[in-house]
Amino acid sequence: MENKFILDLTNDEILSEMYSIVGKEKLPGRATIGFITKNKDEYFKDDIIDEKKLKSIYNRDNKLMKKYILTLSITSLRNRPKDLFKLIRSQKPGKKILDYGCGVATHSIACAQLGCESHIMDISTIMLQVASSRFERRNLNYTAHLKNQTIPYNYFDTIICTDVIEHVPNPNNMLMGFIKFLKIGGIAHLHISPHVCYERGHLKQAIDIWGGKCQDILKKHFEKISENNYRLVRK
């Protein structure tokens, strides 16, 4: 299974691999699938996201976190836009890839299998450990980042960011970071889940910002090349 191209894995193969890493656990039902917080007030008060609390939530070593990791392992392959997988399969050996908010790092593992130089970043130490295990099982090289400060500037050909920007305290700052990380002409894939209900973990406030102020940044610095992909055209 570790020798198979990761984007071609079946649900059973994905779960088999993840069970061997984090242990077996029953997946949550549809009403709670994929989320590790039951109450938005844990990290969202007075219309402001508490970054420290958000980080602590994603680093809790508990049963709910295990369910979240197992769910991510499936959703990283399911319900993704087709242009993401088209972008991944188009990567050439030697291309530099950053999987930002990597989760279980399925997308960057696929890039590494194609001969790319893969970098992964996540605020969750637990998530990075799981992602690292998946790379090491396949004898693939990778570089892990827990903080933005260690990510090289003007370096990457492609940045992949799925279901992340709606969780961060300031989506605008994230986009400005992408501008620094990407080479001119580099591609950013930015995907937001359609779920906007606070109780389901995706913050409507940040999505509203993405649809408003963030668009100005994209228009100024990026050229839209498909539904979810943007090319950096200037600093």
Protein backbone atom coordinates (compact mmCIF):
# COMPACT_ATOMS: atom_id res chain seq x y z
CA MET A 1 0.00 0.00 0.00
CA GLU A 2 2.84 2.42 0.78
CA ASN A 3 4.18 1.85 -2.73
CA LYS A 4 0.88 2.84 -4.34
CA PHE A 5 0.27 6.39 -5.55
CA ILE A 6 -1.53 7.96 -2.60
CA LEU A 7 -4.25 9.64 -4.69
CA ASP A 8 -5.28 6.18 -5.93
CA LEU A 9 -5.90 4.70 -2.47
CA THR A 10 -9.37 3.41 -1.60
CA ASN A 11 -11.17 4.38 1.61
CA ASP A 12 -10.33 1.00 3.13
CA GLU A 13 -6.65 1.37 2.26
CA ILE A 14 -6.55 4.89 3.72
CA LEU A 15 -8.19 3.79 6.97
CA SER A 16 -5.96 0.73 7.24
CA GLU A 17 -2.88 2.94 7.05
CA MET A 18 -4.24 5.49 9.51
CA TYR A 19 -5.40 2.86 12.01
CA SER A 20 -1.83 1.56 12.10
CA ILE A 21 -0.59 5.08 12.92
CA VAL A 22 -3.18 6.49 15.37
CA GLY A 23 -5.12 3.40 16.38
CA LYS A 24 -8.62 2.25 15.51
CA GLU A 25 -11.54 4.53 16.30
CA LYS A 26 -15.11 4.79 15.07
CA LEU A 27 -15.58 7.68 12.68
CA PRO A 28 -18.04 10.39 13.75
CA GLY A 29 -21.46 10.69 12.14
CA ARG A 30 -22.31 13.15 9.41
CA ALA A 31 -23.53 15.78 11.88
CA THR A 32 -20.09 16.09 13.49
CA ILE A 33 -17.76 14.72 10.84
CA GLY A 34 -14.39 16.37 10.64
CA PHE A 35 -14.61 18.77 13.56
CA ILE A 36 -12.89 18.70 16.91
CA THR A 37 -14.79 21.48 18.68
CA LYS A 38 -18.38 21.28 19.85
CA ASN A 39 -18.65 24.91 20.91
CA LYS A 40 -17.41 27.85 18.86
CA ASP A 41 -16.96 29.86 22.07
CA GLU A 42 -13.85 27.77 22.80
CA TYR A 43 -11.90 29.87 20.33
CA PHE A 44 -14.29 32.48 18.92
CA LYS A 45 -15.50 35.31 21.16
CA ASP A 46 -16.71 38.83 20.42
CA ASP A 47 -16.19 38.18 16.71
CA ILE A 48 -12.47 37.56 17.27
CA ILE A 49 -10.60 34.27 16.93
CA ASP A 50 -8.32 33.45 19.87
CA GLU A 51 -5.23 32.12 18.10
CA LYS A 52 -3.67 30.58 21.22
CA LYS A 53 -6.85 28.65 22.03
CA LEU A 54 -7.19 27.53 18.45
CA LYS A 55 -3.65 26.15 18.53
CA SER A 56 -4.30 24.39 21.84
CA ILE A 57 -7.42 22.74 20.42
CA TYR A 58 -5.49 21.35 17.46
CA ASN A 59 -2.83 19.98 19.81
CA ARG A 60 -5.10 18.14 22.23
CA ASP A 61 -4.13 14.50 22.51
CA ASN A 62 -7.56 13.03 22.97
CA LYS A 63 -10.14 10.72 21.43
CA LEU A 64 -11.83 13.51 19.49
CA MET A 65 -8.53 14.52 17.90
CA LYS A 66 -8.02 10.91 16.76
CA LYS A 67 -11.47 10.93 15.13
CA TYR A 68 -10.57 14.20 13.44
CA ILE A 69 -7.32 12.81 12.05
CA LEU A 70 -9.06 9.69 10.72
CA THR A 71 -11.74 11.82 9.08
CA LEU A 72 -9.15 14.11 7.50
CA SER A 73 -7.40 11.11 6.01
CA ILE A 74 -10.53 10.39 3.96
CA THR A 75 -11.68 13.94 3.22
CA SER A 76 -8.19 14.79 1.93
CA LEU A 77 -9.07 12.57 -1.04
CA ARG A 78 -12.85 12.95 -1.18
CA ASN A 79 -14.95 16.01 -2.00
CA ARG A 80 -11.97 17.95 -3.32
CA PRO A 81 -12.17 20.08 -6.48
CA LYS A 82 -10.94 18.28 -9.59
CA ASP A 83 -8.49 21.06 -10.41
CA LEU A 84 -6.54 20.28 -7.21
CA PHE A 85 -5.75 16.75 -8.39
CA LYS A 86 -5.09 17.99 -11.90
CA LEU A 87 -2.60 20.47 -10.41
CA ILE A 88 -0.92 17.76 -8.31
CA ARG A 89 -0.60 15.32 -11.21
CA SER A 90 0.96 18.06 -13.35
CA GLN A 91 3.88 18.60 -10.95
CA LYS A 92 7.32 17.73 -12.33
CA PRO A 93 10.34 16.29 -10.49
CA GLY A 94 12.26 18.99 -8.65
CA LYS A 95 9.30 21.35 -8.23
CA LYS A 96 9.07 22.89 -4.75
CA ILE A 97 5.71 22.35 -3.06
CA LEU A 98 4.31 23.78 0.19
CA ASP A 99 1.27 22.06 1.75
CA TYR A 100 0.06 24.83 4.08
CA GLY A 101 -2.15 23.60 6.91
CA CYS A 102 -1.26 20.14 5.67
CA GLY A 103 -3.30 18.02 8.07
CA VAL A 104 -2.38 14.43 7.22
CA ALA A 105 -0.42 15.68 4.16
CA THR A 106 -2.01 13.52 1.48
CA HIS A 107 -1.50 16.16 -1.22
CA SER A 108 2.17 16.83 -0.50
CA ILE A 109 2.87 13.09 -0.25
CA ALA A 110 1.45 12.72 -3.77
CA CYS A 111 3.77 15.51 -4.95
CA ALA A 112 6.76 13.85 -3.28
CA GLN A 113 5.90 10.58 -5.02
CA LEU A 114 6.14 12.50 -8.30
CA GLY A 115 9.65 13.65 -7.41
CA CYS A 116 8.85 17.08 -5.96
CA GLU A 117 10.52 18.72 -2.97
CA SER A 118 7.67 18.70 -0.44
CA HIS A 119 7.31 21.01 2.56
CA ILE A 120 4.47 20.70 5.08
CA MET A 121 3.21 23.24 7.61
CA ASP A 122 0.60 22.90 10.37
CA ILE A 123 -0.03 24.54 13.75
CA SER A 124 -0.71 21.08 15.20
CA THR A 125 2.35 19.16 16.40
CA ILE A 126 0.21 16.02 16.54
CA MET A 127 -0.85 16.48 12.93
CA LEU A 128 2.74 17.00 11.79
CA GLN A 129 3.76 13.81 13.58
CA VAL A 130 1.07 11.83 11.76
CA ALA A 131 2.00 13.46 8.43
CA SER A 132 5.67 12.70 9.04
CA SER A 133 4.84 9.05 9.70
CA ARG A 134 3.11 8.82 6.33
CA PHE A 135 6.14 10.28 4.52
CA GLU A 136 8.58 8.01 6.36
CA ARG A 137 6.54 4.87 5.65
CA ARG A 138 7.05 5.64 1.96
CA ASN A 139 10.73 6.59 2.33
CA LEU A 140 9.96 10.06 0.98
CA ASN A 141 11.94 13.19 1.79
CA TYR A 142 10.09 16.17 3.26
CA THR A 143 10.58 19.28 5.40
CA ALA A 144 8.16 20.06 8.24
CA HIS A 145 7.34 23.56 9.54
CA LEU A 146 5.44 24.37 12.73
CA LYS A 147 5.82 28.14 12.25
CA ASN A 148 5.73 30.47 9.27
CA GLN A 149 9.13 31.85 10.26
CA THR A 150 10.91 28.70 9.07
CA ILE A 151 9.28 28.69 5.61
CA PRO A 152 11.66 30.09 2.93
CA TYR A 153 10.63 33.18 0.97
CA ASN A 154 10.39 33.38 -2.84
CA TYR A 155 10.93 29.63 -3.00
CA PHE A 156 7.87 27.60 -3.93
CA ASP A 157 6.47 26.72 -7.32
CA THR A 158 3.15 25.58 -5.82
CA ILE A 159 1.28 26.15 -2.56
CA ILE A 160 -1.68 23.95 -1.65
CA CYS A 161 -4.07 25.23 1.03
CA THR A 162 -7.33 23.35 1.58
CA ASP A 163 -9.90 24.10 4.31
CA VAL A 164 -7.47 26.29 6.24
CA ILE A 165 -7.96 29.96 5.51
CA GLU A 166 -11.42 30.04 7.12
CA HIS A 167 -9.91 28.99 10.46
CA VAL A 168 -7.13 31.56 10.77
CA PRO A 169 -7.43 34.83 12.74
CA ASN A 170 -6.50 36.95 9.73
CA PRO A 171 -6.95 35.47 6.24
CA ASN A 172 -5.45 38.60 4.69
CA ASN A 173 -2.15 37.97 6.48
CA MET A 174 -2.13 34.41 5.19
CA LEU A 175 -2.47 35.61 1.61
CA MET A 176 0.31 38.13 2.11
CA GLY A 177 2.41 35.24 3.40
CA PHE A 178 1.73 33.26 0.23
CA ILE A 179 3.00 36.19 -1.79
CA LYS A 180 6.31 36.01 0.11
CA PHE A 181 6.61 32.21 -0.12
CA LEU A 182 5.78 31.85 -3.82
CA LYS A 183 8.08 32.47 -6.74
CA ILE A 184 6.78 34.88 -9.35
CA GLY A 185 4.63 32.72 -11.62
CA GLY A 186 4.06 30.22 -8.80
CA ILE A 187 0.62 28.65 -8.34
CA ALA A 188 -1.53 28.89 -5.19
CA HIS A 189 -4.45 26.50 -4.77
CA LEU A 190 -6.93 27.97 -2.25
CA HIS A 191 -9.99 25.96 -1.28
CA ILE A 192 -12.71 26.75 1.26
CA SER A 193 -15.28 24.25 2.46
CA PRO A 194 -18.88 25.25 1.74
CA HIS A 195 -19.75 24.73 5.42
CA VAL A 196 -20.25 28.14 7.03
CA CYS A 197 -22.17 27.26 10.19
CA TYR A 198 -20.16 28.16 13.30
CA GLU A 199 -21.16 24.96 15.04
CA ARG A 200 -19.60 22.95 12.22
CA GLY A 201 -16.21 24.51 12.77
CA HIS A 202 -15.90 26.75 9.71
CA LEU A 203 -15.96 30.41 10.63
CA LYS A 204 -18.36 32.49 8.58
CA GLN A 205 -16.52 35.65 9.61
CA ALA A 206 -13.32 34.54 7.87
CA ILE A 207 -15.22 33.33 4.81
CA ASP A 208 -16.87 36.73 4.58
CA ILE A 209 -13.44 38.37 4.72
CA TRP A 210 -12.20 36.01 2.01
CA GLY A 211 -15.10 37.03 -0.20
CA GLY A 212 -14.44 40.70 0.45
CA LYS A 213 -11.08 42.19 1.43
CA CYS A 214 -9.05 39.15 0.40
CA GLN A 215 -10.33 39.49 -3.15
CA ASP A 216 -8.50 42.81 -3.40
CA ILE A 217 -5.19 41.08 -2.62
CA LEU A 218 -5.88 38.36 -5.16
CA LYS A 219 -6.72 40.90 -7.87
CA LYS A 220 -3.61 42.92 -7.12
CA HIS A 221 -1.05 40.13 -6.94
CA PHE A 222 -2.56 37.06 -8.61
CA GLU A 223 -3.99 36.00 -11.93
CA LYS A 224 -6.89 33.57 -11.65
CA ILE A 225 -6.26 30.53 -13.84
CA SER A 226 -9.05 28.20 -12.68
CA GLU A 227 -11.78 28.03 -10.07
CA ASN A 228 -9.40 27.44 -7.15
CA ASN A 229 -5.94 28.13 -8.57
CA TYR A 230 -4.14 31.48 -8.80
CA ARG A 231 -0.80 32.43 -10.36
CA LEU A 232 1.41 34.98 -8.62
CA VAL A 233 2.12 37.65 -11.22
CA ARG A 234 4.08 40.25 -9.22
CA LYS A 235 5.24 41.12 -5.72
